[in-house]
Amino acid sequence: MTTDTSRALLKPRRTGLVAALALGSLLAVTASAGADPVRWSMEGWKTDFEQSSVDLARIRSGGPPRDGIPSIDNPVFEFVPGHDALAPNEPVVGLTIDGDARAYPLRILTWHEIVNDVVGGVPVAVTYCPLCNSAPVFERTVDGRVLEFGTTGKLKDSNLIMYDRQTETWWQQFTGEAIVGEMTGQMLELVPVRLQSWAEFAEDNPTGRVLVPNNESMRDYGRNPYVGYDSSRPFLYDGQLPEDIDPMERVVIVPRDDAEPLIVTMNTLAEAGAWSADGLAFTWTAGQASALDTNRIDQGRDVGTVLVTRDGEDVPYDVTFAFVAHAFHPGVTIVGK
């Protein structure tokens, strides 16, 4: 792909999914050609491509080059009181560690995908993959070493592949697994977070802080560059689709230590309001806008907020699409489909 085309994927003037889909054929060709360690080495990667846990042919270009979607490495925050940039229904990743409460708006994460931060003294990577609507947060310390993460510009199963700047190992964002390079097989530790509305976070954390852009003019923050995506079809995805369910239906996935993850549709939870299984308590409340619907995020349709707890304590979970759950956990039944 030409440099100009790669840059075009990042420019704020992009009108949304329609423009992206127009590039689909070109992306498919370049992605296929890019699944080549020799080519990747020519791009400047120092990754050990002889070590991997996945079929390298499944890795494809997402368009932008390495760090073409720039991570935020020196995050700036404002206190909740008086912050007026966010509409009440805008989605944020709410994270609290040792009393340190911070909100990471999807209006910012959409354009940067990774925030390297330290919260409550714990180095964390706050991540968001728009194509999967997945927003896991991970501890950045592995074997006593603090890693810093960036974007590779690559995808597998439509999901962001991150890399750490210390070893240039490639990591799958959805699972937190190192899939290519020196640290292959290592797993990042998940941190419990809430994908919730700004109003909910602000009410629960009146003394908390909220991420703000380092440079307000860098992107058109608040605009959704993937207009209509969550009512469309998976993009840059070549895997199998799940049966008997819309591939873009939202599902909630909860990892379990000694068992397969529990996956349940958002519709099931919305209809029930409160639902439980395997000692987990799920609650659904209205008031959170989809970040992948209309041109302006705060005008997106209401998809609601899910909270998952065990014995009253938050547990790690993710809100993603059915096709993503099927791609990474093909043998697991989706409850409610």
Foldseek 3Di string as FASTA:
>chain_A
DDPVQLLVLQAQVQQAAVVVVVCQVVQVVQFQVCLDVVNVVVVVFPFAQVDFDDDSSLKGFLRHAWCSLPEAEPWDKDWLPPDDPFDQQFWWKWDADPRAIETETVLVCVRRQWYFDAHPNFTKIFGAQVLWRWTWMFGQADPNDGWDKTWRSMDGQSFTWIATPVFRFIATPRFQARGTGDRHGDHTHTGFIWGGGPNVSCVVCVGHIYTDDPDPPPHVRQFQNHAQSLVDARGPGDDDADPPDHQSFKWKWAPDDPDHIAIETLVVQVVVQWDDDPQKIKGWDWRHFDSNHHGGRVPHDISTIMFIDHPPHGGHMIITGRRVCCVVPVPDDYPPD
